Protein backbone atom coordinates (compact mmCIF):
# COMPACT_ATOMS: atom_id res chain seq x y z
CA UNK A 1 25.80 -1.56 4.10
CA UNK A 2 28.77 -2.98 1.86
CA UNK A 3 26.78 -6.21 2.23
CA UNK A 4 23.41 -4.54 1.36
CA UNK A 5 25.21 -2.50 -1.53
CA UNK A 6 26.83 -5.75 -3.08
CA UNK A 7 23.22 -7.76 -2.81
CA UNK A 8 21.05 -5.15 -4.68
CA UNK A 9 24.24 -4.52 -7.34
CA UNK A 10 24.09 -8.34 -8.41
CA UNK A 11 20.40 -8.35 -7.49
CA UNK A 12 20.01 -5.46 -10.59
CA UNK A 13 20.95 -7.38 -13.01
CA UNK A 14 19.11 -10.52 -12.33
CA UNK A 15 15.51 -9.12 -10.97
CA UNK A 16 15.17 -7.05 -13.51
CA UNK A 17 14.36 -9.44 -16.04
CA UNK A 18 11.09 -11.10 -14.24
CA UNK A 19 7.78 -9.43 -14.80
CA UNK A 20 4.54 -8.78 -13.97
CA UNK A 21 3.31 -9.45 -17.57
CA UNK A 22 2.95 -12.85 -18.45
CA UNK A 23 4.75 -13.10 -21.60
CA UNK A 24 7.82 -11.34 -19.66
CA UNK A 25 7.61 -14.01 -17.41
CA UNK A 26 7.76 -17.02 -19.87
CA UNK A 27 11.72 -15.54 -21.29
CA UNK A 28 14.51 -17.22 -19.60
CA UNK A 29 16.37 -14.88 -17.41
CA UNK A 30 19.22 -16.36 -17.60
CA UNK A 31 19.53 -16.06 -21.38
CA UNK A 32 19.01 -12.47 -20.66
CA UNK A 33 21.73 -11.52 -18.53
CA UNK A 34 24.87 -10.47 -21.25
CA UNK A 35 24.86 -6.57 -20.97
CA UNK A 36 26.43 -6.86 -24.64
CA UNK A 37 23.18 -8.25 -25.74
CA UNK A 38 21.08 -6.56 -23.58
CA UNK A 39 19.69 -2.46 -23.66
CA UNK A 40 19.22 -2.97 -27.48
CA UNK A 41 15.59 -2.53 -28.17
CA UNK A 42 12.24 -1.41 -27.13
CA UNK A 43 11.58 -4.89 -26.08
CA UNK A 44 14.60 -4.84 -24.06
CA UNK A 45 12.98 -1.76 -22.47
CA UNK A 46 9.71 -3.05 -22.13
CA UNK A 47 11.59 -6.44 -20.22
CA UNK A 48 13.14 -4.13 -18.17
CA UNK A 49 10.62 -1.99 -17.16
CA UNK A 50 8.27 -4.76 -16.35
CA UNK A 51 10.95 -6.19 -13.72
CA UNK A 52 10.46 -2.33 -12.08
CA UNK A 53 6.80 -3.24 -11.54
CA UNK A 54 7.82 -6.64 -10.28
CA UNK A 55 8.85 -5.23 -6.81
CA UNK A 56 4.98 -4.51 -6.31
CA UNK A 57 4.08 -8.05 -6.66
CA UNK A 58 6.71 -9.78 -3.82
CA UNK A 59 5.34 -13.00 -2.94
CA UNK A 60 3.54 -14.10 -6.21
CA UNK A 61 3.28 -17.80 -6.30
CA UNK A 62 3.80 -18.38 -2.93
CA UNK A 63 2.94 -21.90 -1.70
CA UNK A 64 3.42 -20.78 2.27
CA UNK A 65 3.37 -18.03 4.53
CA UNK A 66 6.98 -17.96 4.64
CA UNK A 67 7.49 -16.74 1.01
CA UNK A 68 3.86 -15.10 0.80
CA UNK A 69 5.16 -11.69 0.60
CA UNK A 70 3.70 -10.49 3.92
CA UNK A 71 2.88 -6.20 3.17
CA UNK A 72 3.44 -6.42 -0.15
CA UNK A 73 1.42 -7.14 -3.26
CA UNK A 74 -1.80 -9.85 -2.29
CA UNK A 75 -0.05 -9.54 0.98
CA UNK A 76 -0.67 -6.00 1.78
CA UNK A 77 -3.72 -6.70 4.28
CA UNK A 78 -1.17 -7.25 7.02
CA UNK A 79 -0.76 -3.69 7.46
CA UNK A 80 -3.92 -3.59 9.05
CA UNK A 81 -2.67 -5.99 12.08
CA UNK A 82 -0.72 -3.04 13.17
CA UNK A 83 -3.60 -0.62 14.19
CA UNK A 84 -6.97 -0.90 15.62
CA UNK A 85 -8.61 -2.43 12.23
CA UNK A 86 -7.28 -6.17 12.26
CA UNK A 87 -5.44 -8.69 14.12
CA UNK A 88 -3.23 -11.54 13.50
CA UNK A 89 -0.92 -14.43 15.18
CA UNK A 90 0.27 -15.56 11.92
CA UNK A 91 3.96 -15.82 11.42
CA UNK A 92 3.87 -14.04 8.63
CA UNK A 93 6.34 -11.07 7.79
CA UNK A 94 6.59 -11.22 11.76
CA UNK A 95 3.49 -8.47 11.55
CA UNK A 96 2.04 -9.93 14.95
CA UNK A 97 5.49 -9.32 17.07
CA UNK A 98 5.44 -5.72 15.60
CA UNK A 99 1.78 -5.18 16.37
CA UNK A 100 2.74 -6.06 20.12
CA UNK A 101 5.18 -3.52 20.13
CA UNK A 102 8.43 -5.83 20.30
CA UNK A 103 10.18 -3.87 17.80
CA UNK A 104 14.14 -4.99 17.57
CA UNK A 105 16.66 -4.13 15.47
CA UNK A 106 17.52 -7.65 14.91
CA UNK A 107 14.29 -8.84 13.87
CA UNK A 108 13.53 -10.49 10.53
CA UNK A 109 10.05 -9.94 8.41
CA UNK A 110 8.79 -6.54 7.71
CA UNK A 111 11.00 -4.90 9.83
CA UNK A 112 14.36 -5.70 7.73
CA UNK A 113 12.00 -6.88 4.37
CA UNK A 114 10.78 -3.26 3.99
CA UNK A 115 14.08 -2.03 4.17
CA UNK A 116 15.91 -4.37 1.81
CA UNK A 117 13.39 -5.15 -0.85
CA UNK A 118 12.81 -1.36 -1.24
CA UNK A 119 16.74 -0.80 -1.69
CA UNK A 120 16.82 -3.57 -4.20
CA UNK A 121 13.53 -1.71 -6.48
CA UNK A 122 15.55 1.60 -5.90
CA UNK A 123 18.71 -0.59 -7.28
CA UNK A 124 16.85 -1.70 -10.15
CA UNK A 125 15.32 1.30 -10.84
CA UNK A 126 18.36 3.29 -11.21
CA UNK A 127 20.22 0.91 -13.42
CA UNK A 128 17.39 1.18 -15.43
CA UNK A 129 17.50 4.73 -16.02
CA UNK A 130 21.59 4.91 -16.67
CA UNK A 131 21.02 2.03 -19.47
CA UNK A 132 17.55 3.48 -21.11
CA UNK A 133 19.60 5.68 -23.13
CA UNK A 134 21.25 3.36 -24.95
CA UNK A 135 18.38 1.81 -26.72
CA UNK A 136 17.61 4.04 -29.92
CA UNK A 137 13.62 5.64 -28.97
CA UNK A 138 11.89 8.69 -29.71
CA UNK A 139 12.82 11.23 -27.28
CA UNK A 140 9.05 11.50 -25.88
CA UNK A 141 8.78 7.60 -25.59
CA UNK A 142 12.47 7.72 -23.76
CA UNK A 143 10.77 10.81 -21.26
CA UNK A 144 7.67 7.94 -20.75
CA UNK A 145 9.99 5.01 -19.58
CA UNK A 146 11.88 7.45 -17.44
CA UNK A 147 9.06 9.03 -15.56
CA UNK A 148 7.47 5.17 -15.04
CA UNK A 149 10.18 4.68 -13.58
CA UNK A 150 11.39 7.79 -11.52
CA UNK A 151 7.45 6.90 -10.36
CA UNK A 152 8.35 3.43 -8.87
CA UNK A 153 11.70 4.80 -7.54
CA UNK A 154 9.68 7.72 -5.74
CA UNK A 155 7.24 5.22 -4.93
CA UNK A 156 9.74 2.84 -2.81
CA UNK A 157 12.02 5.81 -1.32
CA UNK A 158 8.22 7.02 0.18
CA UNK A 159 7.77 3.82 2.31
CA UNK A 160 11.23 3.57 2.89
CA UNK A 161 11.03 7.67 4.30
CA UNK A 162 7.41 6.89 6.35
CA UNK A 163 8.92 3.83 7.99
CA UNK A 164 12.61 4.66 8.93
CA UNK A 165 12.72 8.54 8.31
CA UNK A 166 16.44 9.36 7.00
CA UNK A 167 17.12 7.16 4.52
CA UNK A 168 20.36 5.99 2.09
CA UNK A 169 19.55 8.39 -0.83
CA UNK A 170 21.04 7.16 -4.66
CA UNK A 171 20.24 8.07 -7.58
CA UNK A 172 22.38 6.04 -9.68
CA UNK A 173 23.89 2.67 -9.55
CA UNK A 174 26.34 2.35 -6.67
CA UNK A 175 29.77 0.06 -7.13
CA UNK A 176 32.05 -1.59 -4.87
CA UNK A 177 34.04 1.70 -4.25
CA UNK A 178 34.67 3.05 -1.03
CA UNK A 179 32.52 6.49 -1.96
CA UNK A 180 29.64 3.87 -2.43
CA UNK A 181 29.74 1.92 0.65
CA UNK A 182 30.50 4.96 2.96
CA UNK A 183 27.34 7.01 1.87
CA UNK A 184 25.56 8.54 4.90
CA UNK A 185 22.03 8.62 5.61
CA UNK A 186 20.10 11.39 4.21
CA UNK A 187 17.51 13.71 6.11
CA UNK A 188 14.04 12.90 5.86
CA UNK A 189 13.60 16.65 3.81
CA UNK A 190 15.86 15.90 1.46
CA UNK A 191 14.75 12.34 0.27
CA UNK A 192 10.91 13.93 0.25
CA UNK A 193 12.09 16.50 -1.73
CA UNK A 194 13.92 14.00 -4.46
CA UNK A 195 10.52 11.98 -4.45
CA UNK A 196 8.50 15.06 -5.54
CA UNK A 197 11.33 15.73 -7.93
CA UNK A 198 10.81 12.27 -9.50
CA UNK A 199 7.03 12.54 -8.92
CA UNK A 200 7.23 15.77 -10.57
CA UNK A 201 9.06 14.35 -13.59
CA UNK A 202 6.80 11.34 -13.96
CA UNK A 203 3.61 13.47 -14.18
CA UNK A 204 4.84 15.74 -16.89
CA UNK A 205 6.15 12.93 -18.94
CA UNK A 206 3.14 10.44 -18.62
CA UNK A 207 0.35 9.97 -20.46
CA UNK A 208 -2.41 11.84 -19.12
CA UNK A 209 -4.74 8.99 -19.32
CA UNK A 210 -6.76 6.29 -17.56
CA UNK A 211 -4.64 3.60 -15.95
CA UNK A 212 -3.77 0.74 -17.27
CA UNK A 213 -1.19 -0.94 -15.55
CA UNK A 214 1.03 1.91 -15.71
CA UNK A 215 1.60 4.64 -13.92
CA UNK A 216 0.02 7.67 -15.75
CA UNK A 217 0.18 11.18 -15.55
CA UNK A 218 -2.56 11.36 -12.78
CA UNK A 219 -1.01 8.32 -10.51
CA UNK A 220 2.04 10.32 -10.24
CA UNK A 221 -0.14 13.61 -9.19
CA UNK A 222 -2.34 11.46 -6.75
CA UNK A 223 1.07 10.16 -4.74
CA UNK A 224 2.40 13.61 -5.20
CA UNK A 225 -0.74 14.88 -3.45
CA UNK A 226 -0.02 12.03 -0.62
CA UNK A 227 3.43 12.39 -0.14
CA UNK A 228 3.19 16.25 0.65
CA UNK A 229 0.13 15.20 3.04
CA UNK A 230 2.01 12.77 4.80
CA UNK A 231 4.96 15.79 5.10
CA UNK A 232 1.98 18.38 6.53
CA UNK A 233 2.11 20.27 3.55
CA UNK A 234 -1.48 20.70 2.65
CA UNK A 235 -2.12 23.82 0.40
CA UNK A 236 0.47 21.81 -2.01
CA UNK A 237 -1.22 18.57 -1.20
CA UNK A 238 -4.78 20.34 -2.03
CA UNK A 239 -3.40 21.38 -5.38
CA UNK A 240 -2.12 18.29 -6.40
CA UNK A 241 -5.07 16.13 -5.88
CA UNK A 242 -7.18 19.26 -7.24
CA UNK A 243 -5.36 19.04 -10.40
CA UNK A 244 -6.56 14.87 -10.72
CA UNK A 245 -9.69 16.07 -10.10
CA UNK A 246 -10.26 18.95 -12.54
CA UNK A 247 -8.40 16.87 -15.52
CA UNK A 248 -11.32 14.47 -15.10
CA UNK A 249 -9.76 11.44 -16.29
CA UNK A 250 -10.45 9.13 -13.25
CA UNK A 251 -14.09 8.89 -11.69
CA UNK A 252 -15.59 6.81 -8.73
CA UNK A 253 -16.81 3.12 -9.69
CA UNK A 254 -20.58 2.89 -9.68
CA UNK A 255 -19.98 -0.26 -7.43
CA UNK A 256 -18.04 -0.51 -4.58
CA UNK A 257 -17.30 -4.35 -4.26
CA UNK A 258 -16.31 -3.70 -8.22
CA UNK A 259 -12.91 -2.78 -7.30
CA UNK A 260 -11.37 -5.83 -5.21
CA UNK A 261 -11.98 -8.36 -7.84
CA UNK A 262 -11.42 -9.38 -11.24
CA UNK A 263 -13.34 -8.38 -13.89
CA UNK A 264 -14.85 -5.62 -11.86
CA UNK A 265 -10.91 -4.36 -11.57
CA UNK A 266 -10.37 -4.77 -15.24
CA UNK A 267 -10.67 -1.09 -16.75
CA UNK A 268 -11.98 0.61 -13.52
CA UNK A 269 -12.14 3.80 -13.62
CA UNK A 270 -11.53 4.81 -10.00
CA UNK A 271 -8.30 2.50 -10.04
CA UNK A 272 -5.19 4.56 -10.63
CA UNK A 273 -2.39 1.99 -9.57
CA UNK A 274 -2.25 -1.71 -8.50
CA UNK A 275 -0.34 -4.36 -7.97
CA UNK A 276 -1.44 -6.99 -11.02
CA UNK A 277 -1.45 -10.50 -11.42
CA UNK A 278 -2.20 -12.93 -13.99
CA UNK A 279 -2.23 -16.80 -13.13
CA UNK A 280 -1.38 -19.47 -13.68
CA UNK A 281 1.78 -17.52 -15.01
CA UNK A 282 1.77 -15.40 -12.04
CA UNK A 283 -0.85 -15.40 -9.34
CA UNK A 284 -1.36 -13.74 -5.67
CA UNK A 285 -1.36 -15.32 -2.47
CA UNK A 286 -4.75 -13.19 -1.48
CA UNK A 287 -7.49 -15.83 -1.24
CA UNK A 288 -5.67 -18.55 0.67
CA UNK A 289 -3.64 -15.96 2.66
CA UNK A 290 -6.82 -14.46 3.87
CA UNK A 291 -9.78 -17.30 3.37
CA UNK A 292 -8.14 -20.40 3.69
CA UNK A 293 -5.57 -19.67 6.51
CA UNK A 294 -7.18 -16.45 7.79
CA UNK A 295 -4.07 -14.79 8.59
CA UNK A 296 -5.64 -11.56 9.32
CA UNK A 297 -8.80 -11.13 11.51
CA UNK A 298 -10.92 -8.21 11.67
CA UNK A 299 -11.53 -6.22 14.91
CA UNK A 300 -14.76 -4.98 16.64
CA UNK A 301 -13.38 -1.52 16.93
CA UNK A 302 -13.75 -1.26 13.20
CA UNK A 303 -16.91 -3.20 13.01
CA UNK A 304 -18.52 -0.94 15.93
CA UNK A 305 -17.68 1.87 13.44
CA UNK A 306 -19.51 1.60 10.70
CA UNK A 307 -22.77 3.95 10.79
CA UNK A 308 -26.16 2.68 10.50
CA UNK A 309 -27.95 3.79 7.55
CA UNK A 310 -29.22 7.38 8.97
CA UNK A 311 -25.71 8.47 9.12
CA UNK A 312 -25.67 8.56 13.03
CA UNK A 313 -23.26 6.06 14.62
CA UNK A 314 -24.74 2.89 16.82
CA UNK A 315 -24.45 4.47 20.15
CA UNK A 316 -27.26 7.12 19.01
CA UNK A 317 -29.15 5.70 15.86
CA UNK A 318 -32.46 5.09 16.39
CA UNK A 319 -31.74 2.26 13.92
CA UNK A 320 -29.57 -0.02 15.67
CA UNK A 321 -30.54 -2.90 17.64
CA UNK A 322 -28.18 -5.15 19.40
CA UNK A 323 -30.09 -8.10 18.12
CA UNK A 324 -29.61 -7.49 14.97
CA UNK A 325 -26.13 -5.68 14.82
CA UNK A 326 -25.56 -5.95 11.06
CA UNK A 327 -28.70 -4.52 9.65
CA UNK A 328 -29.31 -1.00 8.79
CA UNK A 329 -25.43 -0.09 8.68
CA UNK A 330 -23.47 1.41 6.18
CA UNK A 331 -23.19 -0.75 3.23
CA UNK A 332 -19.51 -0.92 3.03
CA UNK A 333 -19.65 -2.69 6.29
CA UNK A 334 -20.94 -6.20 4.33
CA UNK A 335 -18.88 -5.19 1.51
CA UNK A 336 -15.75 -5.42 3.02
CA UNK A 337 -15.97 -7.96 6.26
CA UNK A 338 -17.53 -10.90 6.88
CA UNK A 339 -20.09 -10.91 9.77
CA UNK A 340 -21.53 -14.35 11.72
CA UNK A 341 -23.86 -15.76 9.39
CA UNK A 342 -22.73 -14.56 6.17
CA UNK A 343 -21.60 -16.63 3.24
CA UNK A 344 -17.96 -17.02 3.15
CA UNK A 345 -18.20 -19.02 -0.82
CA UNK A 346 -21.44 -19.53 -2.70
CA UNK A 347 -23.88 -21.77 -0.63
CA UNK A 348 -25.48 -21.26 2.59
CA UNK A 349 -23.12 -24.09 4.06
CA UNK A 350 -20.49 -21.88 3.78
CA UNK A 351 -21.79 -19.61 6.45
CA UNK A 352 -19.71 -17.94 8.85
CA UNK A 353 -19.42 -19.68 12.17
CA UNK A 354 -16.34 -17.99 14.07
CA UNK A 355 -15.99 -20.41 16.63
CA UNK A 356 -16.20 -23.65 13.87
CA UNK A 357 -13.62 -21.33 12.22
CA UNK A 358 -11.21 -20.60 15.06
CA UNK A 359 -11.53 -17.25 14.27
CA UNK A 360 -10.78 -15.43 17.44
CA UNK A 361 -11.90 -11.70 16.76
CA UNK A 362 -15.49 -13.02 15.42
CA UNK A 363 -14.89 -10.92 11.72
CA UNK A 364 -12.66 -11.79 8.65
CA UNK A 365 -11.69 -9.76 5.61
CA UNK A 366 -14.52 -9.93 2.52
CA UNK A 367 -12.37 -7.37 0.93
CA UNK A 368 -10.57 -8.70 -1.87
CA UNK A 369 -11.63 -12.29 -1.37
CA UNK A 370 -13.20 -14.07 -4.05
CA UNK A 371 -16.58 -16.07 -2.51
CA UNK A 372 -16.11 -17.92 -5.61
CA UNK A 373 -12.90 -19.42 -5.08
CA UNK A 374 -14.13 -21.09 -1.24
CA UNK A 375 -12.75 -23.30 0.30
CA UNK A 376 -9.38 -22.42 -0.53
CA UNK A 377 -5.95 -24.28 -0.18
CA UNK A 378 -2.51 -23.51 -0.71
CA UNK A 379 -2.81 -24.24 -4.58
CA UNK A 380 -5.58 -21.57 -4.71
CA UNK A 381 -4.22 -18.74 -7.18
CA UNK A 382 -6.09 -15.34 -7.11
CA UNK A 383 -5.89 -13.44 -10.22
CA UNK A 384 -7.48 -9.99 -8.43
CA UNK A 385 -4.97 -7.12 -8.44
CA UNK A 386 -4.11 -5.15 -5.01
CA UNK A 387 -5.64 -1.67 -5.51
CA UNK A 388 -2.42 0.40 -3.77
CA UNK A 389 -4.33 3.95 -5.39
CA UNK A 390 -7.82 4.96 -6.02
CA UNK A 391 -9.83 7.79 -6.99
CA UNK A 392 -11.80 7.94 -3.64
CA UNK A 393 -8.34 8.57 -2.21
CA UNK A 394 -7.59 11.36 -3.92
CA UNK A 395 -10.95 12.91 -3.27
CA UNK A 396 -10.62 12.37 0.77
CA UNK A 397 -6.86 13.43 0.88
CA UNK A 398 -8.20 17.07 -1.03
CA UNK A 399 -10.59 17.12 1.28
CA UNK A 400 -8.37 16.75 4.15
CA UNK A 401 -5.85 18.80 2.99
CA UNK A 402 -8.54 21.49 1.62
CA UNK A 403 -9.98 21.58 5.57
CA UNK A 404 -6.65 22.28 7.07
CA UNK A 405 -5.81 25.22 4.68
CA UNK A 406 -9.36 26.92 4.60
CA UNK A 407 -11.52 24.88 6.95
CA UNK A 408 -14.69 22.96 5.71
CA UNK A 409 -15.59 25.11 2.25
CA UNK A 410 -18.19 23.78 -0.21
CA UNK A 411 -15.41 21.80 -2.03
CA UNK A 412 -14.29 19.92 1.29
CA UNK A 413 -18.07 18.98 1.46
CA UNK A 414 -18.41 17.66 -2.54
CA UNK A 415 -15.21 15.79 -2.17
CA UNK A 416 -16.34 13.99 0.99
CA UNK A 417 -20.20 13.49 0.10
CA UNK A 418 -18.99 12.30 -3.33
CA UNK A 419 -17.46 9.26 -1.69
CA UNK A 420 -20.18 8.51 0.88
CA UNK A 421 -23.11 8.81 -1.93
CA UNK A 422 -21.87 6.47 -4.77
CA UNK A 423 -24.40 4.03 -6.17
CA UNK A 424 -24.17 1.55 -3.87
CA UNK A 425 -23.47 2.96 -0.75
CA UNK A 426 -25.56 6.01 -0.75
CA UNK A 427 -25.03 7.09 2.85
CA UNK A 428 -26.07 10.11 3.96
CA UNK A 429 -24.12 13.97 3.22
CA UNK A 430 -22.13 14.86 5.72
CA UNK A 431 -24.16 17.57 7.99
CA UNK A 432 -23.35 21.11 6.95
CA UNK A 433 -22.31 23.93 9.57
CA UNK A 434 -19.43 21.66 10.70
CA UNK A 435 -16.30 23.81 12.12
CA UNK A 436 -12.94 23.00 11.08
CA UNK A 437 -12.05 20.42 13.99
CA UNK A 438 -15.39 18.40 13.54
CA UNK A 439 -14.65 17.74 9.84
CA UNK A 440 -11.27 16.68 10.52
CA UNK A 441 -12.66 13.90 12.61
CA UNK A 442 -15.42 12.95 9.62
CA UNK A 443 -12.86 13.23 7.38
CA UNK A 444 -10.80 10.52 9.16
CA UNK A 445 -13.66 8.15 9.90
CA UNK A 446 -14.36 8.51 6.08
CA UNK A 447 -11.14 7.06 5.75
CA UNK A 448 -10.96 4.43 7.90
CA UNK A 449 -14.47 3.03 6.64
CA UNK A 450 -13.71 3.42 2.67
CA UNK A 451 -10.16 1.94 2.88
CA UNK A 452 -10.84 -0.69 5.71
CA UNK A 453 -8.71 -3.55 5.35
CA UNK A 454 -6.91 -2.06 2.17
CA UNK A 455 -3.47 -1.46 4.17
CA UNK A 456 -3.83 2.38 4.59
CA UNK A 457 -4.71 2.67 7.97
CA UNK A 458 -1.42 2.10 9.58
CA UNK A 459 -0.30 5.19 7.39
CA UNK A 460 -2.75 6.99 8.26
CA UNK A 461 -2.55 6.80 12.25
CA UNK A 462 0.90 7.50 11.81
CA UNK A 463 0.49 10.78 9.78
CA UNK A 464 -1.90 11.78 12.10
CA UNK A 465 0.29 11.16 15.40
CA UNK A 466 -2.61 8.45 16.30
CA UNK A 467 -0.49 5.50 16.66
CA UNK A 468 1.04 6.58 19.99
CA UNK A 469 -2.53 7.04 21.48
CA UNK A 470 -4.81 4.55 19.66
CA UNK A 471 -2.61 1.50 19.73
CA UNK A 472 -2.17 1.32 23.46
CA UNK A 473 -6.08 1.12 24.02
CA UNK A 474 -6.43 -1.88 21.38
CA UNK A 475 -7.15 -5.46 23.58
CA UNK A 476 -6.35 -8.23 21.34
CA UNK A 477 -8.69 -11.14 21.22
CA UNK A 478 -6.14 -13.12 23.33
CA UNK A 479 -7.47 -9.82 25.83
CA UNK A 480 -3.78 -9.08 26.16
CA UNK A 481 -3.33 -5.35 25.72
CA UNK A 482 -0.78 -3.91 22.99
CA UNK A 483 1.92 -1.31 23.88
CA UNK A 484 3.58 1.22 21.69
CA UNK A 485 6.90 2.77 22.67
CA UNK A 486 7.21 6.18 21.10
CA UNK A 487 10.45 5.15 19.56
CA UNK A 488 8.30 2.91 17.00
CA UNK A 489 6.88 5.97 15.63
CA UNK A 490 10.10 5.36 13.15
CA UNK A 491 11.38 1.92 12.75
CA UNK A 492 14.84 0.85 13.36
CA UNK A 493 17.40 -0.13 10.76
CA UNK A 494 18.21 -3.34 10.28
CA UNK A 495 21.10 -3.99 12.36
CA UNK A 496 23.23 -6.11 10.19
CA UNK A 497 23.40 -2.96 8.14
CA UNK A 498 24.55 -1.23 11.42
CA UNK A 499 27.49 -3.61 11.85
CA UNK A 500 28.72 -3.33 8.33
CA UNK A 501 28.69 -0.04 7.91
CA UNK A 502 30.73 -0.28 11.37
CA UNK A 503 32.92 -2.56 9.86
CA UNK A 504 33.66 0.00 6.63
CA UNK A 505 33.68 2.88 8.55
CA UNK A 506 30.65 4.77 7.51
CA UNK A 507 30.30 6.77 10.31
CA UNK A 508 27.41 9.18 8.61
CA UNK A 509 25.19 5.38 8.96
CA UNK A 510 23.64 5.48 12.22
CA UNK A 511 20.88 3.49 13.85
CA UNK A 512 17.48 5.35 14.76
CA UNK A 513 17.05 6.94 18.41
CA UNK A 514 16.11 3.85 21.07
CA UNK A 515 17.08 0.59 18.89
């Protein structure tokens, strides 16, 4: 732990000066490091705030898989490879190893990165929260800055709590004293309470406006609903989601595909939070990761789960034909997935041939991949943001939570049907008269389809406790079945942290069971 704490303390004085914003990136970080000259003006606050947001975009400007931030920002799609939606043989983030159930506490990649980078982000946030008071600002503006940073801190603690369970909970900068290096892991329930407190502060102090790159009240409420849902607090989750709906600051976009590429993402009324990019100074690796290298394949399990346009599954719909399997299907299929014969670029010569492209699953992601950049190279600079929260999620979270509380009432039907009937999707409404159990199944299906390849399914399966039953049934394109030891429901703390904790006598810092 001492090694980690020293590292993040140092980092909190450095990384805070990097930025998701182009003009901030043009500043010389080394010239800004003096604590005697920084934390003086609102411009300093803006620069520091951008440093907090920067952690969402890890992997920006990458030119190789090893530094492309697999699992973060433009590399967020890698999370799909841990589910029945996706497959990878890439070394990026060691996702291929994690997907097969061969997790070890000594692993590098996402097992350690999610831990390390989350605590770096939290340390940067904690420093901001202590030092922003040194800057002369109006109380309302200062509270808004604090609200944004508390939201970002909550975001990272939420990820930690989902992956590792109990966490070291620290809400202020750490030092080199014995108290700092011997902080134990706090129970997950206390961490969740802290997350919710930060989100409540954010919701109370952020502007109630549309999203413009900065977290707003609706962003905080949406994540509050997500945290509560993940922890089985259904009534409170429904209440938080309902607030977003009734306050009416967000709405579904008319066009599904506009959510995932520029310029459709600009001022999009559905997007509530995202990792944002601005080439050439700050670009995403998204296109070359998933188009040039084909690092994520889509599995047929997902393709087959898209309904026909009559709202029936392919197993029972009269519209389905095995000779033309991608005709008469939910329009989101072709807007999310490249199937054989689809153009990858803008001309017929780019038609997808899985064998020629060496794509063993037979399918590639379409969502978030810009056909105007095909064929891509390592030099391709992507400008599309990675959407982390959108209004469709609020509607489906509300439907899920409300169904658990009261069964499939009219508001549940209205929420799920709104998602299904957006103008360019226009799928049939859910049939009436469903039981709560049947509606639960429908909602879970709708989440899989609506958020396909967006990195959500891993966390959905974890919340539903389906990871332990679905993952072992997956047969990958290499004909090997995956495994899922029950211990994998909670990931190991990086072993290097355990060893350092032992060396400094931190007896409250223990490894998770099974590792």
